[in-house]
Protein backbone atom coordinates (compact mmCIF):
# COMPACT_ATOMS: atom_id res chain seq x y z
CA MET A 1 251.01 32.74 9.17
CA VAL A 2 250.55 36.40 7.95
CA LYS A 3 254.01 36.70 6.77
CA SER A 4 253.57 33.49 5.02
CA LEU A 5 250.66 34.86 2.91
CA LEU A 6 252.53 37.85 2.29
CA SER A 7 255.35 36.36 0.69
CA GLU A 8 253.05 34.65 -1.85
CA LEU A 9 251.74 37.57 -3.23
CA ASN A 10 252.76 39.01 -6.68
CA THR A 11 252.17 42.59 -5.26
CA GLY A 12 255.53 44.02 -3.50
CA ILE A 13 254.77 44.52 0.41
CA VAL A 14 257.13 46.48 2.34
CA ILE A 15 256.19 47.10 6.11
CA LEU A 16 257.99 49.99 7.72
CA ASP A 17 258.21 51.37 11.59
CA SER A 18 257.65 54.65 12.52
CA SER A 19 260.99 55.73 11.61
CA LEU A 20 260.54 54.50 8.06
CA ARG A 21 262.78 51.66 8.53
CA VAL A 22 262.17 48.17 6.70
CA ILE A 23 260.74 45.57 9.09
CA PHE A 24 259.43 43.36 6.62
CA ILE A 25 259.73 43.00 2.81
CA ASN A 26 258.25 40.55 0.77
CA PRO A 27 260.08 38.53 -2.53
CA SER A 28 258.24 40.29 -4.59
CA ALA A 29 259.10 43.79 -3.30
CA SER A 30 262.86 42.75 -2.98
CA ASN A 31 262.68 41.59 -6.64
CA ILE A 32 261.09 45.08 -7.91
CA LEU A 33 263.32 46.99 -5.59
CA ASP A 34 266.54 44.94 -6.55
CA THR A 35 267.65 43.99 -3.06
CA THR A 36 267.23 41.20 -0.67
CA GLU A 37 265.32 40.79 2.61
CA LYS A 38 268.65 40.57 4.71
CA ALA A 39 270.21 43.79 2.78
CA SER A 40 267.03 45.67 3.22
CA PHE A 41 265.87 44.65 6.95
CA GLY A 42 266.52 47.76 9.20
CA GLN A 43 267.33 50.15 6.36
CA LYS A 44 265.42 53.48 5.77
CA ILE A 45 263.04 53.28 2.90
CA ASP A 46 265.16 56.28 1.14
CA GLN A 47 268.44 53.40 1.34
CA LEU A 48 266.21 51.37 -0.95
CA PHE A 49 265.05 53.75 -3.60
CA PHE A 50 264.81 57.62 -4.01
CA GLU A 51 261.78 59.08 -5.85
CA GLU A 52 261.28 62.75 -5.04
CA PRO A 53 262.46 64.96 -2.22
CA GLU A 54 258.87 65.30 -0.88
CA SER A 55 257.96 61.64 -1.09
CA LEU A 56 259.82 60.84 2.04
CA GLN A 57 258.00 63.55 3.74
CA SER A 58 254.62 62.19 2.34
CA PHE A 59 255.46 58.77 3.91
CA GLN A 60 256.16 60.53 7.15
CA ASP A 61 252.84 62.56 6.92
CA SER A 62 250.97 59.32 6.21
CA ILE A 63 252.07 58.07 9.67
CA ASN A 64 251.20 61.27 11.51
CA GLU A 65 248.05 62.07 9.87
CA LYS A 66 246.91 58.36 9.43
CA ARG A 67 245.96 58.68 5.83
CA SER A 68 246.66 56.33 2.84
CA PHE A 69 247.84 57.61 -0.35
CA THR A 70 248.43 56.28 -3.83
CA LYS A 71 251.49 57.29 -6.04
CA THR A 72 250.72 56.52 -10.02
CA ASP A 73 253.36 55.99 -12.67
CA ALA A 74 256.05 56.66 -9.97
CA ILE A 75 259.76 56.21 -11.17
CA LEU A 76 261.81 54.90 -8.34
CA ASN A 77 265.75 55.47 -8.50
CA LEU A 78 267.08 52.27 -6.92
CA LYS A 79 270.11 52.12 -4.99
CA LYS A 80 272.25 49.88 -7.74
CA GLY A 81 271.29 52.94 -10.27
CA ASN A 82 268.27 50.97 -12.13
CA LYS A 83 265.00 52.88 -12.41
CA VAL A 84 261.38 51.11 -12.04
CA LEU A 85 258.08 52.44 -13.01
CA CYS A 86 255.48 51.60 -10.62
CA THR A 87 252.26 52.42 -8.74
CA TYR A 88 252.44 52.38 -5.00
CA VAL A 89 250.25 52.74 -2.19
CA VAL A 90 251.17 53.80 1.45
CA HIS A 91 248.65 52.62 4.15
CA PRO A 92 249.33 53.56 7.95
CA LEU A 93 249.35 50.88 10.24
CA ASN A 94 248.43 51.61 14.03
CA THR A 95 249.12 48.75 16.41
CA LEU A 96 249.31 48.81 19.81
CA GLU A 97 253.15 48.60 20.13
CA GLU A 98 253.92 51.10 17.31
CA ASN A 99 252.80 53.10 14.13
CA GLY A 100 254.09 52.37 10.73
CA LEU A 101 253.35 51.99 7.17
CA LEU A 102 252.50 49.16 4.83
CA LEU A 103 253.79 50.00 1.22
CA GLU A 104 252.18 48.09 -1.45
CA ILE A 105 254.25 48.38 -5.00
CA VAL A 106 253.02 47.03 -8.16
CA ASN A 107 255.62 47.09 -11.05
CA LYS A 108 253.86 48.60 -14.18
CA GLU A 109 256.62 47.51 -16.53
CA ALA A 110 256.03 43.94 -15.65
CA SER A 111 252.47 44.42 -15.60
CA SER A 112 252.55 45.94 -19.06
CA GLU A 113 254.75 43.04 -20.39
CA LEU A 114 252.22 40.31 -19.17
CA ILE A 115 249.39 42.49 -20.73
CA GLU A 116 251.32 42.53 -24.08
CA ARG A 117 252.12 38.70 -23.66
CA TYR A 118 248.54 38.17 -23.39
CA ARG A 119 247.37 40.45 -26.25
CA MET A 120 249.94 38.67 -28.55
CA ARG A 121 248.83 35.05 -27.55
CA THR A 122 244.95 36.09 -28.05
CA ASN A 123 246.01 37.64 -31.42
CA GLN A 124 247.75 34.57 -32.51
CA GLN A 125 245.02 32.31 -31.26
CA ILE A 126 242.59 34.30 -33.46
CA SER A 127 244.53 34.09 -36.50
CA GLN A 128 244.96 30.54 -36.03
CA ASP A 129 241.17 29.99 -35.88
CA PHE A 130 240.59 32.29 -38.80
CA VAL A 131 243.22 30.38 -40.90
CA ARG A 132 241.54 27.08 -40.23
CA GLY A 133 237.98 28.27 -40.72
CA LEU A 134 239.05 29.76 -44.20
CA ALA A 135 240.99 26.35 -45.14
CA HIS A 136 237.95 24.50 -44.36
CA GLU A 137 235.71 26.91 -46.46
CA ILE A 138 238.30 26.69 -49.21
CA LYS A 139 238.15 22.82 -48.95
CA ASN A 140 234.54 22.36 -48.75
CA PRO A 141 233.71 23.96 -51.90
CA LEU A 142 236.28 21.96 -53.85
CA GLU A 143 234.61 18.81 -52.23
CA TRP A 144 231.12 20.10 -53.59
CA ASP A 145 232.64 20.37 -57.32
CA LYS A 146 234.15 17.03 -57.24
CA ARG A 147 230.59 15.59 -56.16
CA LEU A 148 228.82 17.69 -58.91
CA CYS A 149 231.68 16.54 -61.51
CA SER A 150 231.16 12.85 -60.49
CA ILE A 151 227.39 13.01 -60.72
CA ALA A 152 227.77 14.59 -64.21
CA THR A 153 229.91 12.13 -65.52
CA LYS A 154 227.45 9.37 -64.61
């Protein structure tokens, strides 16, 4: 049930065990990290992406110190050579069996594209409404002039 819900999210979710190996990755995270669930399962997180040398240590510190952290505007260097601008949040997971991490990834490039598309669509709608209103205003005075002329000729 929980895995089903995590699979439906637009946010990328990666669950790591205490040795920072992938034990779950949802489709959004697979898309962001340009990998597959099968290829990433059991891999250490640094096999999926590399950011900064200290980021791996920060992940381990998060498990040990049981603290969350957020990294904004992170540039992830992916395994296949691509780069992704994102924000990620790391949450420690403490279960009875084992400790681990939940990594939440938001692709800022995709978010920016959506915001830009929405802004353009809104601007188009405003322009269309303005042109319709302007056309209506231009048309109405002409009708008024026609009525005045027809009354004057009678």
